[in-house]
Amino acid sequence: MAEYKATLMDDAAVGRALKRIAHEILERNGGADNLCVLGIKRRGVSLAEEIVKNIEDIEGKRIQLGTLDITYYRDDLARDSSEPVIHESQIPFDIEGKTVILVDDVLYTGRTARAAMEAVLKHGRASQIQLAVLVDRGHRELPIRGDYVGKNVPTSKSERISVKIPPFEEQRSVELYG
């Protein structure tokens, strides 16, 4: 078991980061028109819900929100588990021609983001795909970067970032283990 090293973000810091990301999304895209948000299962969904709420509070417009299960699109599936748990993607709207904001908790190797982009492309041709992450910890294996990053945290490969967020944990935080 990895040893706890530090709390990198407490509940308030997570909230501030998600509000800042919402503002950055609106600024970069000139408002909320033509936006939709997809949370990458599991923890990305809760983060996406809060980002959408923040955007709606700022703009006063409803934003389309969906969930994306990328399990079938992972290139490391065989190494992870012989019996993967598949959750259905829920995209109850057309993404054709829209700016899709993918939301995930941690950006590490880039493989989850690559799989998510592939999954989005199976649902239609978005005009743009942008990536929002709460934490970027480095160590990319693919040429992928976050368009919106809550916190950059340089880590060693032996360290682990743990994003704690309801409904999986009682309170929000980002912790470092090593």
Protein backbone atom coordinates (compact mmCIF):
# COMPACT_ATOMS: atom_id res chain seq x y z
CA MET A 1 0.00 0.00 0.00
CA ALA A 2 1.32 3.42 -0.96
CA GLU A 3 2.05 5.82 1.85
CA TYR A 4 0.16 9.12 2.16
CA LYS A 5 2.45 12.08 1.39
CA ALA A 6 0.30 15.21 1.12
CA THR A 7 -3.06 16.77 0.39
CA LEU A 8 -2.50 18.75 -2.81
CA MET A 9 -6.00 20.24 -3.05
CA ASP A 10 -8.69 20.46 -0.38
CA ASP A 11 -12.43 20.83 -1.07
CA ALA A 12 -12.21 24.61 -1.53
CA ALA A 13 -9.23 24.34 -3.91
CA VAL A 14 -11.06 21.75 -6.03
CA GLY A 15 -14.10 24.03 -6.18
CA ARG A 16 -12.00 27.04 -7.20
CA ALA A 17 -10.22 25.02 -9.90
CA LEU A 18 -13.51 23.81 -11.38
CA LYS A 19 -14.90 27.37 -11.43
CA ARG A 20 -11.73 28.63 -13.12
CA ILE A 21 -11.94 25.84 -15.71
CA ALA A 22 -15.57 26.81 -16.44
CA HIS A 23 -14.52 30.44 -16.99
CA GLU A 24 -11.59 29.39 -19.21
CA ILE A 25 -13.88 27.18 -21.33
CA LEU A 26 -16.27 30.10 -21.86
CA GLU A 27 -13.48 32.55 -22.62
CA ARG A 28 -11.74 30.29 -25.12
CA ASN A 29 -14.99 29.37 -26.89
CA GLY A 30 -16.61 32.80 -26.86
CA GLY A 31 -19.47 31.68 -24.62
CA ALA A 32 -21.54 28.54 -24.20
CA ASP A 33 -23.13 28.28 -27.64
CA ASN A 34 -22.39 24.98 -29.40
CA LEU A 35 -20.71 23.45 -26.30
CA CYS A 36 -21.38 20.03 -24.84
CA VAL A 37 -19.54 18.32 -21.99
CA LEU A 38 -18.71 14.62 -21.63
CA GLY A 39 -17.44 13.24 -18.33
CA ILE A 40 -15.13 10.24 -18.64
CA LYS A 41 -16.37 7.51 -16.32
CA ARG A 42 -15.93 7.36 -13.38
CA ARG A 43 -14.60 10.40 -11.55
CA GLY A 44 -14.66 12.60 -14.64
CA VAL A 45 -18.47 12.44 -14.56
CA SER A 46 -18.74 14.16 -11.16
CA LEU A 47 -16.22 16.80 -12.24
CA ALA A 48 -18.09 17.37 -15.52
CA GLU A 49 -21.36 17.83 -13.61
CA GLU A 50 -19.81 20.59 -11.52
CA ILE A 51 -18.18 22.30 -14.51
CA VAL A 52 -21.54 22.28 -16.34
CA LYS A 53 -23.29 23.72 -13.26
CA ASN A 54 -20.66 26.47 -13.09
CA ILE A 55 -21.04 27.28 -16.81
CA GLU A 56 -24.83 27.37 -16.47
CA ASP A 57 -24.58 29.67 -13.45
CA ILE A 58 -22.27 32.04 -15.36
CA GLU A 59 -24.10 32.03 -18.71
CA GLY A 60 -27.68 31.31 -17.68
CA LYS A 61 -27.93 28.70 -20.45
CA ARG A 62 -28.43 24.95 -20.26
CA ILE A 63 -25.37 22.93 -21.32
CA GLN A 64 -25.68 19.39 -22.68
CA LEU A 65 -23.95 16.84 -20.45
CA GLY A 66 -23.16 13.22 -21.20
CA THR A 67 -20.99 10.41 -19.89
CA LEU A 68 -18.40 8.44 -21.77
CA ASP A 69 -17.21 4.92 -21.04
CA ILE A 70 -13.88 4.36 -22.77
CA THR A 71 -13.23 0.78 -21.63
CA TYR A 72 -13.54 -0.77 -25.13
CA TYR A 73 -11.23 1.86 -26.59
CA ARG A 74 -8.30 1.40 -24.20
CA ASP A 75 -5.14 -0.02 -25.71
CA ASP A 76 -4.00 -1.39 -22.33
CA LEU A 77 -7.23 -3.30 -21.54
CA ALA A 78 -5.66 -6.76 -21.64
CA ARG A 79 -3.07 -5.82 -19.02
CA ASP A 80 -5.58 -4.20 -16.68
CA SER A 81 -8.21 -6.90 -16.25
CA SER A 82 -9.40 -10.11 -17.81
CA GLU A 83 -13.03 -9.14 -17.08
CA PRO A 84 -13.41 -5.38 -17.60
CA VAL A 85 -16.46 -3.69 -16.15
CA ILE A 86 -18.26 -1.95 -19.00
CA HIS A 87 -20.47 1.04 -18.25
CA GLU A 88 -22.65 2.35 -21.03
CA SER A 89 -21.91 5.78 -22.47
CA GLN A 90 -24.82 8.18 -22.12
CA ILE A 91 -24.79 10.81 -24.86
CA PRO A 92 -28.46 11.77 -25.32
CA PHE A 93 -27.70 14.47 -27.90
CA ASP A 94 -26.02 14.85 -31.29
CA ILE A 95 -22.36 15.92 -31.10
CA GLU A 96 -22.10 16.59 -34.84
CA GLY A 97 -20.46 19.99 -35.35
CA LYS A 98 -20.26 20.76 -31.61
CA THR A 99 -17.32 21.65 -29.41
CA VAL A 100 -16.98 18.66 -27.09
CA ILE A 101 -15.28 19.21 -23.73
CA LEU A 102 -13.95 15.92 -22.33
CA VAL A 103 -13.53 15.96 -18.54
CA ASP A 104 -11.32 13.61 -16.53
CA ASP A 105 -9.76 13.62 -13.09
CA VAL A 106 -6.05 12.98 -13.82
CA LEU A 107 -4.01 13.32 -17.01
CA TYR A 108 -1.06 10.93 -16.85
CA THR A 109 0.10 8.90 -19.88
CA GLY A 110 -2.54 10.30 -22.24
CA ARG A 111 -3.98 6.87 -23.03
CA THR A 112 -7.34 7.56 -21.39
CA ALA A 113 -7.69 10.82 -23.34
CA ARG A 114 -6.78 9.04 -26.61
CA ALA A 115 -9.39 6.35 -25.92
CA ALA A 116 -11.97 9.03 -25.09
CA MET A 117 -11.32 10.84 -28.37
CA GLU A 118 -11.79 7.58 -30.25
CA ALA A 119 -15.06 6.94 -28.41
CA VAL A 120 -16.30 10.46 -29.24
CA LEU A 121 -15.52 9.94 -32.93
CA LYS A 122 -17.76 6.84 -32.91
CA HIS A 123 -20.67 9.11 -31.91
CA GLY A 124 -20.20 11.69 -34.67
CA ARG A 125 -17.90 14.37 -36.00
CA ALA A 126 -17.42 17.13 -33.46
CA SER A 127 -16.06 20.44 -34.70
CA GLN A 128 -13.53 20.38 -31.84
CA ILE A 129 -12.58 18.16 -28.93
CA GLN A 130 -11.03 19.85 -25.91
CA LEU A 131 -9.74 18.24 -22.71
CA ALA A 132 -10.31 19.50 -19.15
CA VAL A 133 -8.57 17.74 -16.26
CA LEU A 134 -8.42 18.46 -12.56
CA VAL A 135 -4.77 17.33 -12.27
CA ASP A 136 -1.97 16.96 -14.83
CA ARG A 137 0.78 14.84 -13.32
CA GLY A 138 3.07 14.57 -16.35
CA HIS A 139 4.73 11.42 -17.77
CA ARG A 140 2.93 11.48 -21.13
CA GLU A 141 3.34 8.50 -23.45
CA LEU A 142 1.25 10.13 -26.20
CA PRO A 143 1.35 13.71 -27.56
CA ILE A 144 -1.74 14.85 -25.64
CA ARG A 145 -2.16 17.90 -23.42
CA GLY A 146 -4.96 19.30 -21.33
CA ASP A 147 -6.61 22.43 -22.69
CA TYR A 148 -7.87 23.25 -19.18
CA VAL A 149 -5.92 22.09 -16.13
CA GLY A 150 -6.91 22.61 -12.50
CA LYS A 151 -3.41 21.94 -11.14
CA ASN A 152 -0.09 20.79 -12.59
CA VAL A 153 1.61 18.38 -10.20
CA PRO A 154 5.05 17.07 -11.17
CA THR A 155 5.28 13.52 -9.84
CA SER A 156 7.61 10.57 -10.05
CA LYS A 157 6.30 7.46 -11.76
CA SER A 158 6.28 5.66 -8.41
CA GLU A 159 3.92 8.23 -6.89
CA ARG A 160 0.14 8.08 -7.18
CA ILE A 161 -2.46 10.84 -7.33
CA SER A 162 -5.79 10.09 -5.68
CA VAL A 163 -8.76 12.28 -6.58
CA LYS A 164 -11.46 11.89 -3.96
CA ILE A 165 -14.90 13.10 -4.97
CA PRO A 166 -18.51 12.28 -4.16
CA PRO A 167 -20.26 9.93 -4.74
CA PHE A 168 -17.17 7.72 -4.44
CA GLU A 169 -15.83 9.39 -1.29
CA GLU A 170 -17.45 11.68 1.27
CA GLN A 171 -15.48 14.83 0.51
CA ARG A 172 -13.43 16.29 -2.32
CA SER A 173 -9.65 16.38 -2.27
CA VAL A 174 -6.57 15.51 -4.26
CA GLU A 175 -3.92 13.52 -2.39
CA LEU A 176 -0.42 12.34 -3.21
CA TYR A 177 0.79 8.86 -2.26
CA GLY A 178 4.21 7.31 -2.78
